[in-house]
Amino acid sequence: WQGKSESVLLRSGASVNGVSLDGHIPLHLAAQY
């Protein structure tokens, strides 16, 4: 959402397709903003 520090989380195995209650994956937020 903020366009920051995603690399640290990705290196730690964060799920890129994890879904929020609104159905957003992180790519939804990066694309919208």
Full PDB file with SEQRES, HELIX, SHEET, SSBOND, CRYST1, ORIGX, SCALE, CONECT and MASTER records, all heavy atoms in Angstrom:
SEQRES   1 A   33  TRP GLN GLY LYS SER GLU SER VAL LEU LEU ARG SER GLY          
SEQRES   2 A   33  ALA SER VAL ASN GLY VAL SER LEU ASP GLY HIS ILE PRO          
SEQRES   3 A   33  LEU HIS LEU ALA ALA GLN TYR                                  
HELIX    1 AA1 GLU A    6  ARG A   11  1                                   6    
HELIX    2 AA2 PRO A   26  GLN A   32  1                                   7    
CRYST1    1.000    1.000    1.000  90.00  90.00  90.00 P 1           1          
ORIGX1      1.000000  0.000000  0.000000        0.00000                         
ORIGX2      0.000000  1.000000  0.000000        0.00000                         
ORIGX3      0.000000  0.000000  1.000000        0.00000                         
SCALE1      1.000000  0.000000  0.000000        0.00000                         
SCALE2      0.000000  1.000000  0.000000        0.00000                         
SCALE3      0.000000  0.000000  1.000000        0.00000                         
ATOM      1  N   TRP A   1       0.840  -1.209   0.000  1.00  0.00           N  
ATOM      2  CA  TRP A   1       0.000   0.000   0.000  1.00  0.00           C  
ATOM      3  C   TRP A   1       0.874   1.259   0.000  1.00  0.00           C  
ATOM      4  O   TRP A   1       0.623   2.209  -0.745  1.00  0.00           O  
ATOM      5  CB  TRP A   1      -0.911  -0.047   1.224  1.00  0.00           C  
ATOM      6  CG  TRP A   1      -1.778   1.148   1.443  1.00  0.00           C  
ATOM      7  CD1 TRP A   1      -2.202   2.044   0.494  1.00  0.00           C  
ATOM      8  CD2 TRP A   1      -2.354   1.562   2.678  1.00  0.00           C  
ATOM      9  NE1 TRP A   1      -3.010   3.005   1.065  1.00  0.00           N  
ATOM     10  CE2 TRP A   1      -3.118   2.728   2.412  1.00  0.00           C  
ATOM     11  CE3 TRP A   1      -2.323   1.068   3.970  1.00  0.00           C  
ATOM     12  CZ2 TRP A   1      -3.821   3.403   3.401  1.00  0.00           C  
ATOM     13  CZ3 TRP A   1      -3.029   1.736   4.951  1.00  0.00           C  
ATOM     14  CH2 TRP A   1      -3.766   2.891   4.668  1.00  0.00           C  
ATOM     15  N   GLN A   2       1.908   1.260   0.812  1.00  0.00           N  
ATOM     16  CA  GLN A   2       2.770   2.420   0.934  1.00  0.00           C  
ATOM     17  C   GLN A   2       3.979   2.380  -0.001  1.00  0.00           C  
ATOM     18  O   GLN A   2       4.690   3.374  -0.138  1.00  0.00           O  
ATOM     19  CB  GLN A   2       3.250   2.544   2.376  1.00  0.00           C  
ATOM     20  CG  GLN A   2       2.140   2.893   3.352  1.00  0.00           C  
ATOM     21  CD  GLN A   2       1.531   4.250   3.060  1.00  0.00           C  
ATOM     22  OE1 GLN A   2       2.241   5.231   2.898  1.00  0.00           O  
ATOM     23  NE2 GLN A   2       0.207   4.315   2.993  1.00  0.00           N  
ATOM     24  N   GLY A   3       4.209   1.245  -0.649  1.00  0.00           N  
ATOM     25  CA  GLY A   3       5.350   1.137  -1.555  1.00  0.00           C  
ATOM     26  C   GLY A   3       6.680   1.101  -0.842  1.00  0.00           C  
ATOM     27  O   GLY A   3       7.661   1.661  -1.333  1.00  0.00           O  
ATOM     28  N   LYS A   4       6.741   0.417   0.308  1.00  0.00           N  
ATOM     29  CA  LYS A   4       7.959   0.453   1.133  1.00  0.00           C  
ATOM     30  C   LYS A   4       8.322  -0.927   1.696  1.00  0.00           C  
ATOM     31  O   LYS A   4       7.433  -1.693   2.066  1.00  0.00           O  
ATOM     32  CB  LYS A   4       7.772   1.414   2.311  1.00  0.00           C  
ATOM     33  CG  LYS A   4       7.512   2.860   1.901  1.00  0.00           C  
ATOM     34  CD  LYS A   4       7.211   3.708   3.119  1.00  0.00           C  
ATOM     35  CE  LYS A   4       6.972   5.158   2.728  1.00  0.00           C  
ATOM     36  NZ  LYS A   4       6.610   6.015   3.881  1.00  0.00           N  
ATOM     37  N   SER A   5       9.596  -1.191   1.742  1.00  0.00           N  
ATOM     38  CA  SER A   5      10.184  -2.297   2.525  1.00  0.00           C  
ATOM     39  C   SER A   5       9.607  -3.673   2.237  1.00  0.00           C  
ATOM     40  O   SER A   5       9.655  -4.549   3.095  1.00  0.00           O  
ATOM     41  CB  SER A   5      10.045  -2.017   4.037  1.00  0.00           C  
ATOM     42  OG  SER A   5      10.690  -0.813   4.368  1.00  0.00           O  
ATOM     43  N   GLU A   6       9.047  -3.880   1.048  1.00  0.00           N  
ATOM     44  CA  GLU A   6       8.458  -5.185   0.767  1.00  0.00           C  
ATOM     45  C   GLU A   6       9.521  -6.266   0.638  1.00  0.00           C  
ATOM     46  O   GLU A   6       9.268  -7.445   0.901  1.00  0.00           O  
ATOM     47  CB  GLU A   6       7.598  -5.120  -0.495  1.00  0.00           C  
ATOM     48  CG  GLU A   6       8.352  -5.130  -1.827  1.00  0.00           C  
ATOM     49  CD  GLU A   6       9.143  -3.866  -2.086  1.00  0.00           C  
ATOM     50  OE1 GLU A   6       8.861  -2.831  -1.451  1.00  0.00           O  
ATOM     51  OE2 GLU A   6      10.057  -3.919  -2.920  1.00  0.00           O  
ATOM     52  N   SER A   7      10.754  -5.884   0.272  1.00  0.00           N  
ATOM     53  CA  SER A   7      11.795  -6.884   0.032  1.00  0.00           C  
ATOM     54  C   SER A   7      12.143  -7.659   1.296  1.00  0.00           C  
ATOM     55  O   SER A   7      12.380  -8.875   1.249  1.00  0.00           O  
ATOM     56  CB  SER A   7      13.044  -6.217  -0.552  1.00  0.00           C  
ATOM     57  OG  SER A   7      13.518  -5.205   0.320  1.00  0.00           O  
ATOM     58  N   VAL A   8      12.174  -6.990   2.448  1.00  0.00           N  
ATOM     59  CA  VAL A   8      12.475  -7.659   3.718  1.00  0.00           C  
ATOM     60  C   VAL A   8      11.434  -8.732   3.999  1.00  0.00           C  
ATOM     61  O   VAL A   8      11.765  -9.857   4.408  1.00  0.00           O  
ATOM     62  CB  VAL A   8      12.508  -6.637   4.869  1.00  0.00           C  
ATOM     63  CG1 VAL A   8      12.743  -7.343   6.208  1.00  0.00           C  
ATOM     64  CG2 VAL A   8      13.560  -5.581   4.622  1.00  0.00           C  
ATOM     65  N   LEU A   9      10.179  -8.415   3.772  1.00  0.00           N  
ATOM     66  CA  LEU A   9       9.089  -9.358   4.033  1.00  0.00           C  
ATOM     67  C   LEU A   9       9.122 -10.514   3.042  1.00  0.00           C  
ATOM     68  O   LEU A   9       8.898 -11.670   3.417  1.00  0.00           O  
ATOM     69  CB  LEU A   9       7.751  -8.627   3.962  1.00  0.00           C  
ATOM     70  CG  LEU A   9       7.538  -7.553   5.033  1.00  0.00           C  
ATOM     71  CD1 LEU A   9       6.348  -6.671   4.696  1.00  0.00           C  
ATOM     72  CD2 LEU A   9       7.336  -8.208   6.401  1.00  0.00           C  
ATOM     73  N   LEU A  10       9.400 -10.216   1.791  1.00  0.00           N  
ATOM     74  CA  LEU A  10       9.448 -11.270   0.779  1.00  0.00           C  
ATOM     75  C   LEU A  10      10.592 -12.239   1.053  1.00  0.00           C  
ATOM     76  O   LEU A  10      10.443 -13.457   0.888  1.00  0.00           O  
ATOM     77  CB  LEU A  10       9.582 -10.651  -0.611  1.00  0.00           C  
ATOM     78  CG  LEU A  10       8.339  -9.902  -1.118  1.00  0.00           C  
ATOM     79  CD1 LEU A  10       8.648  -9.148  -2.408  1.00  0.00           C  
ATOM     80  CD2 LEU A  10       7.178 -10.867  -1.326  1.00  0.00           C  
ATOM     81  N   ARG A  11      11.732 -11.720   1.479  1.00  0.00           N  
ATOM     82  CA  ARG A  11      12.862 -12.598   1.810  1.00  0.00           C  
ATOM     83  C   ARG A  11      12.533 -13.501   2.996  1.00  0.00           C  
ATOM     84  O   ARG A  11      13.098 -14.586   3.138  1.00  0.00           O  
ATOM     85  CB  ARG A  11      14.109 -11.774   2.126  1.00  0.00           C  
ATOM     86  CG  ARG A  11      14.757 -11.142   0.909  1.00  0.00           C  
ATOM     87  CD  ARG A  11      16.188 -10.709   1.212  1.00  0.00           C  
ATOM     88  NE  ARG A  11      16.257  -9.749   2.319  1.00  0.00           N  
ATOM     89  CZ  ARG A  11      16.202  -8.434   2.147  1.00  0.00           C  
ATOM     90  NH1 ARG A  11      16.061  -7.914   0.935  1.00  0.00           N  
ATOM     91  NH2 ARG A  11      16.294  -7.629   3.203  1.00  0.00           N  
ATOM     92  N   SER A  12      11.597 -13.042   3.819  1.00  0.00           N  
ATOM     93  CA  SER A  12      11.205 -13.831   4.994  1.00  0.00           C  
ATOM     94  C   SER A  12      10.034 -14.762   4.706  1.00  0.00           C  
ATOM     95  O   SER A  12       9.492 -15.382   5.617  1.00  0.00           O  
ATOM     96  CB  SER A  12      10.852 -12.895   6.153  1.00  0.00           C  
ATOM     97  OG  SER A  12      11.974 -12.107   6.517  1.00  0.00           O  
ATOM     98  N   GLY A  13       9.641 -14.837   3.444  1.00  0.00           N  
ATOM     99  CA  GLY A  13       8.611 -15.800   3.050  1.00  0.00           C  
ATOM    100  C   GLY A  13       7.185 -15.304   3.132  1.00  0.00           C  
ATOM    101  O   GLY A  13       6.247 -16.117   3.185  1.00  0.00           O  
ATOM    102  N   ALA A  14       6.962 -13.991   3.119  1.00  0.00           N  
ATOM    103  CA  ALA A  14       5.595 -13.467   3.159  1.00  0.00           C  
ATOM    104  C   ALA A  14       4.805 -13.946   1.944  1.00  0.00           C  
ATOM    105  O   ALA A  14       5.343 -14.038   0.829  1.00  0.00           O  
ATOM    106  CB  ALA A  14       5.618 -11.936   3.190  1.00  0.00           C  
ATOM    107  N   SER A  15       3.552 -14.266   2.153  1.00  0.00           N  
ATOM    108  CA  SER A  15       2.696 -14.761   1.074  1.00  0.00           C  
ATOM    109  C   SER A  15       2.278 -13.620   0.148  1.00  0.00           C  
ATOM    110  O   SER A  15       1.630 -12.669   0.591  1.00  0.00           O  
ATOM    111  CB  SER A  15       1.448 -15.428   1.659  1.00  0.00           C  
ATOM    112  OG  SER A  15       0.536 -15.762   0.622  1.00  0.00           O  
ATOM    113  N   VAL A  16       2.630 -13.728  -1.128  1.00  0.00           N  
ATOM    114  CA  VAL A  16       2.277 -12.662  -2.070  1.00  0.00           C  
ATOM    115  C   VAL A  16       0.813 -12.715  -2.478  1.00  0.00           C  
ATOM    116  O   VAL A  16       0.268 -11.736  -3.000  1.00  0.00           O  
ATOM    117  CB  VAL A  16       3.167 -12.709  -3.334  1.00  0.00           C  
ATOM    118  CG1 VAL A  16       4.604 -12.417  -2.989  1.00  0.00           C  
ATOM    119  CG2 VAL A  16       3.033 -14.058  -4.035  1.00  0.00           C  
ATOM    120  N   ASN A  17       0.173 -13.857  -2.242  1.00  0.00           N  
ATOM    121  CA  ASN A  17      -1.234 -13.989  -2.626  1.00  0.00           C  
ATOM    122  C   ASN A  17      -2.157 -14.136  -1.415  1.00  0.00           C  
ATOM    123  O   ASN A  17      -3.287 -14.604  -1.533  1.00  0.00           O  
ATOM    124  CB  ASN A  17      -1.423 -15.182  -3.576  1.00  0.00           C  
ATOM    125  CG  ASN A  17      -0.774 -14.933  -4.931  1.00  0.00           C  
ATOM    126  OD1 ASN A  17      -0.902 -13.855  -5.497  1.00  0.00           O  
ATOM    127  ND2 ASN A  17      -0.056 -15.930  -5.440  1.00  0.00           N  
ATOM    128  N   GLY A  18      -1.677 -13.714  -0.250  1.00  0.00           N  
ATOM    129  CA  GLY A  18      -2.533 -13.706   0.931  1.00  0.00           C  
ATOM    130  C   GLY A  18      -3.663 -12.708   0.760  1.00  0.00           C  
ATOM    131  O   GLY A  18      -3.466 -11.600   0.266  1.00  0.00           O  
ATOM    132  N   VAL A  19      -4.870 -13.088   1.160  1.00  0.00           N  
ATOM    133  CA  VAL A  19      -6.076 -12.302   0.886  1.00  0.00           C  
ATOM    134  C   VAL A  19      -6.602 -11.644   2.156  1.00  0.00           C  
ATOM    135  O   VAL A  19      -6.752 -12.299   3.191  1.00  0.00           O  
ATOM    136  CB  VAL A  19      -7.179 -13.194   0.271  1.00  0.00           C  
ATOM    137  CG1 VAL A  19      -8.426 -12.375  -0.035  1.00  0.00           C  
ATOM    138  CG2 VAL A  19      -6.675 -13.868  -0.999  1.00  0.00           C  
ATOM    139  N   SER A  20      -6.899 -10.351   2.079  1.00  0.00           N  
ATOM    140  CA  SER A  20      -7.520  -9.636   3.196  1.00  0.00           C  
ATOM    141  C   SER A  20      -9.024  -9.890   3.196  1.00  0.00           C  
ATOM    142  O   SER A  20      -9.564 -10.540   2.288  1.00  0.00           O  
ATOM    143  CB  SER A  20      -7.251  -8.133   3.069  1.00  0.00           C  
ATOM    144  OG  SER A  20      -8.019  -7.596   1.994  1.00  0.00           O  
ATOM    145  N   LEU A  21      -9.717  -9.353   4.176  1.00  0.00           N  
ATOM    146  CA  LEU A  21     -11.173  -9.532   4.236  1.00  0.00           C  
ATOM    147  C   LEU A  21     -11.870  -8.888   3.050  1.00  0.00           C  
ATOM    148  O   LEU A  21     -12.962  -9.309   2.657  1.00  0.00           O  
ATOM    149  CB  LEU A  21     -11.718  -8.937   5.543  1.00  0.00           C  
ATOM    150  CG  LEU A  21     -11.270  -9.620   6.845  1.00  0.00           C  
ATOM    151  CD1 LEU A  21     -11.973  -8.982   8.036  1.00  0.00           C  
ATOM    152  CD2 LEU A  21     -11.524 -11.124   6.802  1.00  0.00           C  
ATOM    153  N   ASP A  22     -11.274  -7.859   2.452  1.00  0.00           N  
ATOM    154  CA  ASP A  22     -11.827  -7.229   1.250  1.00  0.00           C  
ATOM    155  C   ASP A  22     -11.442  -7.959  -0.027  1.00  0.00           C  
ATOM    156  O   ASP A  22     -11.803  -7.521  -1.122  1.00  0.00           O  
ATOM    157  CB  ASP A  22     -11.353  -5.770   1.150  1.00  0.00           C  
ATOM    158  CG  ASP A  22     -12.009  -4.877   2.187  1.00  0.00           C  
ATOM    159  OD1 ASP A  22     -13.153  -5.183   2.583  1.00  0.00           O  
ATOM    160  OD2 ASP A  22     -11.387  -3.886   2.601  1.00  0.00           O  
ATOM    161  N   GLY A  23     -10.699  -9.038   0.123  1.00  0.00           N  
ATOM    162  CA  GLY A  23     -10.287  -9.805  -1.042  1.00  0.00           C  
ATOM    163  C   GLY A  23      -9.048  -9.285  -1.727  1.00  0.00           C  
ATOM    164  O   GLY A  23      -8.693  -9.743  -2.815  1.00  0.00           O  
ATOM    165  N   HIS A  24      -8.356  -8.330  -1.091  1.00  0.00           N  
ATOM    166  CA  HIS A  24      -7.151  -7.768  -1.686  1.00  0.00           C  
ATOM    167  C   HIS A  24      -5.947  -8.666  -1.441  1.00  0.00           C  
ATOM    168  O   HIS A  24      -5.729  -9.122  -0.314  1.00  0.00           O  
ATOM    169  CB  HIS A  24      -6.832  -6.391  -1.098  1.00  0.00           C  
ATOM    170  CG  HIS A  24      -7.833  -5.342  -1.447  1.00  0.00           C  
ATOM    171  ND1 HIS A  24      -8.384  -4.489  -0.521  1.00  0.00           N  
ATOM    172  CD2 HIS A  24      -8.388  -4.996  -2.643  1.00  0.00           C  
ATOM    173  CE1 HIS A  24      -9.238  -3.663  -1.112  1.00  0.00           C  
ATOM    174  NE2 HIS A  24      -9.261  -3.958  -2.390  1.00  0.00           N  
ATOM    175  N   ILE A  25      -5.161  -8.872  -2.493  1.00  0.00           N  
ATOM    176  CA  ILE A  25      -3.810  -9.364  -2.300  1.00  0.00           C  
ATOM    177  C   ILE A  25      -2.903  -8.130  -2.342  1.00  0.00           C  
ATOM    178  O   ILE A  25      -3.340  -7.057  -2.779  1.00  0.00           O  
ATOM    179  CB  ILE A  25      -3.417 -10.397  -3.376  1.00  0.00           C  
ATOM    180  CG1 ILE A  25      -3.454  -9.772  -4.782  1.00  0.00           C  
ATOM    181  CG2 ILE A  25      -4.305 -11.623  -3.292  1.00  0.00           C  
ATOM    182  CD1 ILE A  25      -2.906 -10.685  -5.865  1.00  0.00           C  
ATOM    183  N   PRO A  26      -1.669  -8.230  -1.906  1.00  0.00           N  
ATOM    184  CA  PRO A  26      -0.803  -7.044  -1.917  1.00  0.00           C  
ATOM    185  C   PRO A  26      -0.712  -6.365  -3.281  1.00  0.00           C  
ATOM    186  O   PRO A  26      -0.620  -5.135  -3.362  1.00  0.00           O  
ATOM    187  CB  PRO A  26       0.544  -7.609  -1.466  1.00  0.00           C  
ATOM    188  CG  PRO A  26       0.174  -8.735  -0.549  1.00  0.00           C  
ATOM    189  CD  PRO A  26      -1.027  -9.364  -1.183  1.00  0.00           C  
ATOM    190  N   LEU A  27      -0.778  -7.139  -4.364  1.00  0.00           N  
ATOM    191  CA  LEU A  27      -0.674  -6.562  -5.707  1.00  0.00           C  
ATOM    192  C   LEU A  27      -1.852  -5.632  -6.012  1.00  0.00           C  
ATOM    193  O   LEU A  27      -1.692  -4.655  -6.748  1.00  0.00           O  
ATOM    194  CB  LEU A  27      -0.576  -7.672  -6.755  1.00  0.00           C  
ATOM    195  CG  LEU A  27      -0.294  -7.232  -8.191  1.00  0.00           C  
ATOM    196  CD1 LEU A  27       1.006  -6.431  -8.277  1.00  0.00           C  
ATOM    197  CD2 LEU A  27      -0.245  -8.450  -9.117  1.00  0.00           C  
ATOM    198  N   HIS A  28      -3.022  -5.916  -5.488  1.00  0.00           N  
ATOM    199  CA  HIS A  28      -4.157  -4.995  -5.648  1.00  0.00           C  
ATOM    200  C   HIS A  28      -3.783  -3.601  -5.137  1.00  0.00           C  
ATOM    201  O   HIS A  28      -4.035  -2.581  -5.804  1.00  0.00           O  
ATOM    202  CB  HIS A  28      -5.376  -5.482  -4.858  1.00  0.00           C  
ATOM    203  CG  HIS A  28      -6.199  -6.526  -5.548  1.00  0.00           C  
ATOM    204  ND1 HIS A  28      -6.165  -7.844  -5.182  1.00  0.00           N  
ATOM    205  CD2 HIS A  28      -7.097  -6.433  -6.575  1.00  0.00           C  
ATOM    206  CE1 HIS A  28      -7.002  -8.536  -5.939  1.00  0.00           C  
ATOM    207  NE2 HIS A  28      -7.579  -7.699  -6.793  1.00  0.00           N  
ATOM    208  N   LEU A  29      -3.186  -3.564  -3.956  1.00  0.00           N  
ATOM    209  CA  LEU A  29      -2.880  -2.279  -3.324  1.00  0.00           C  
ATOM    210  C   LEU A  29      -1.723  -1.573  -4.032  1.00  0.00           C  
ATOM    211  O   LEU A  29      -1.764  -0.359  -4.238  1.00  0.00           O  
ATOM    212  CB  LEU A  29      -2.555  -2.503  -1.853  1.00  0.00           C  
ATOM    213  CG  LEU A  29      -3.715  -3.102  -1.041  1.00  0.00           C  
ATOM    214  CD1 LEU A  29      -3.253  -3.512   0.344  1.00  0.00           C  
ATOM    215  CD2 LEU A  29      -4.869  -2.119  -0.942  1.00  0.00           C  
ATOM    216  N   ALA A  30      -0.703  -2.330  -4.411  1.00  0.00           N  
ATOM    217  CA  ALA A  30       0.420  -1.728  -5.128  1.00  0.00           C  
ATOM    218  C   ALA A  30      -0.044  -1.159  -6.466  1.00  0.00           C  
ATOM    219  O   ALA A  30       0.381  -0.072  -6.880  1.00  0.00           O  
ATOM    220  CB  ALA A  30       1.516  -2.776  -5.347  1.00  0.00           C  
ATOM    221  N   ALA A  31      -0.938  -1.876  -7.135  1.00  0.00           N  
ATOM    222  CA  ALA A  31      -1.442  -1.412  -8.442  1.00  0.00           C  
ATOM    223  C   ALA A  31      -2.323  -0.181  -8.290  1.00  0.00           C  
ATOM    224  O   ALA A  31      -2.199   0.788  -9.048  1.00  0.00           O  
ATOM    225  CB  ALA A  31      -2.215  -2.542  -9.125  1.00  0.00           C  
ATOM    226  N   GLN A  32      -3.226  -0.203  -7.313  1.00  0.00           N  
ATOM    227  CA  GLN A  32      -4.135   0.933  -7.128  1.00  0.00           C  
ATOM    228  C   GLN A  32      -3.375   2.220  -6.830  1.00  0.00           C  
ATOM    229  O   GLN A  32      -3.755   3.296  -7.319  1.00  0.00           O  
ATOM    230  CB  GLN A  32      -5.115   0.628  -5.998  1.00  0.00           C  
ATOM    231  CG  GLN A  32      -6.063   1.797  -5.707  1.00  0.00           C  
ATOM    232  CD  GLN A  32      -7.135   1.437  -4.700  1.00  0.00           C  
ATOM    233  OE1 GLN A  32      -7.462   0.269  -4.519  1.00  0.00           O  
ATOM    234  NE2 GLN A  32      -7.694   2.445  -4.038  1.00  0.00           N  
ATOM    235  N   TYR A  33      -2.320   2.109  -6.053  1.00  0.00           N  
ATOM    236  CA  TYR A  33      -1.580   3.311  -5.651  1.00  0.00           C  
ATOM    237  C   TYR A  33      -0.361   3.595  -6.532  1.00  0.00           C  
ATOM    238  O   TYR A  33       0.425   4.492  -6.236  1.00  0.00           O  
ATOM    239  CB  TYR A  33      -1.214   3.212  -4.169  1.00  0.00           C  
ATOM    240  CG  TYR A  33      -2.442   3.314  -3.297  1.00  0.00           C  
ATOM    241  CD1 TYR A  33      -3.101   2.178  -2.854  1.00  0.00           C  
ATOM    242  CD2 TYR A  33      -2.990   4.558  -2.976  1.00  0.00           C  
ATOM    243  CE1 TYR A  33      -4.257   2.265  -2.088  1.00  0.00           C  
ATOM    244  CE2 TYR A  33      -4.144   4.659  -2.212  1.00  0.00           C  
ATOM    245  CZ  TYR A  33      -4.773   3.511  -1.769  1.00  0.00           C  
ATOM    246  OH  TYR A  33      -5.922   3.609  -1.026  1.00  0.00           O  
TER     247      TYR A  33                                                      
MASTER        0    0    0    2    0    0    0    6  246    1    0    3          
END                                                                             
